Amino acid sequence: MKKMFWPALAIAAASLVGAGGASAQLKIGVAGPLTGPNAAFGAQLKNGAEQAAADINAKGGINGQKIELSFGDDVSDPKQGVSVANKFAGDGVKFVVGHFNSGVTMPASEVYQENGTLEITPSATNPRITERGMWNIFRTCGRDDQQGAVAGEYIIKNFKSKKVAIVHDKTTYGQGVAEFFRDDAKKKGLTVAGFDGTEEKSNFDAILTPIKAKNPSLIYFGGIYDQGAPFFKQASEKGIKAKFMGPDGMDSSDLTKIAGKAVVGMNYTSAAGPASALPKAKAFVDDFKKKFSKNPEPYAAEAYDATTIAIKALEDLAKGGKKITREDVSAAIRKVKHSGITGEIAFDGKGDRLKAQYFVLTVASDNPEKWGDNKIVKQLTIAPPAVKK
């Protein structure tokens, strides 16, 4: 494999160890849906990264070098994600925190790989992201194959009736997590009364009518809140008595902002626990509230840790005062052992977090401002599947 040097970082590394402190800034790209239907998640990613950069810059940066963040809005669209990746490459950005969506992260990561850019996603959970054997991709969250299993385990232990209906949004993320949930549900003895995909955003009658006739005890929606919220709201209005459940795409106060009382009491799984429940996150939560006038939601803390790890790797390499190759940076991240606000972070050979946290929560209120009050009913720490040799 041909070595690819990072000219901007090579200059930065040399200046970091020199006397007097150079004026160049270290630039890190932050990419996610800053606008569009998933903007609530994009805002959390952006704010978490901003808080990390602010905290490090307040301490003098890296040997006097300040961190500069460059933002890219992918609108949760794969094509726009590729455009953002190409722009970052053209601007010489060699480290990216993002993207948010799995379906955007995968094509964007290929552009980053071609251009010698490292990427740490705080939130993209599809297993294929790290199963492709790429040198440049890491994540600070868990995986959907395990998140789906966590949901299945909770249902089998807490529901008397085992009949479930599954709907997904046909995206890489939503369909993927729904398939993992379905497969694990079948293994655990649950009856799957339908598995349907839809791109519908407003009128779900064609799917809900047959679901009502099958009378499942639970409806699982694999997707994100902007589609899941109106789906669950219409299911409730149609008189369907089933309990509702979904993955971390539901983990936003916008779910209750859209669906209101219809989703109170529903369960959802998350690869990002409430920051208020993380033992090391108190200072982060307090600072976040002061800076942004609101509580952090997923995946703000994971973005904070991803940004901090990127900076830590650059800082460690800068101490050598030599030209930096992409292999150097990739190896440095794989060696990172970081005590982050989301827990202890280290990576396996694929770029997965060695120990990732998974949560099952219950929506406590229809008031979006009380999203942080949602009750954790199950919490697990799970290692990723072993690296195949």
Foldseek 3Di string as FASTA:
>chain_A
DDWDFQVVLLVVLLQLPDPPHDAAAQEEEEEEACDALLNLQSVLLVLLLVVLQVVCVVVCHQSNHGYHYDYAHQNPDQVSLLVSLVVCLVVSHAEYEDDAEQLNLVVSVVSSLVSLHAYEYAHHADPVSLVPLGLRYAYLFYHLLVLLLVVLVVCLVPPPAQEEEEEEAPGSQQLRSSVSNVVNNVVSPGHYPYYYHHNDAADPCVPLVVVQVVQGQEYEYRDALSRVLNVLLVNVVVVRNHAYEYECNDFALVSLVRNPPSQAFHKYKYLDDQLVPQPLRPVVQVVSCVVPVAGRTPPSQSSNVSSNLLSVLSSVVSVVSGTDTSNSSSVSQQPDFDQGSNGTFHADPSNYTQKTKMWMWGRHGSRSRCSSVIDTPDMDIDGDPDDDD
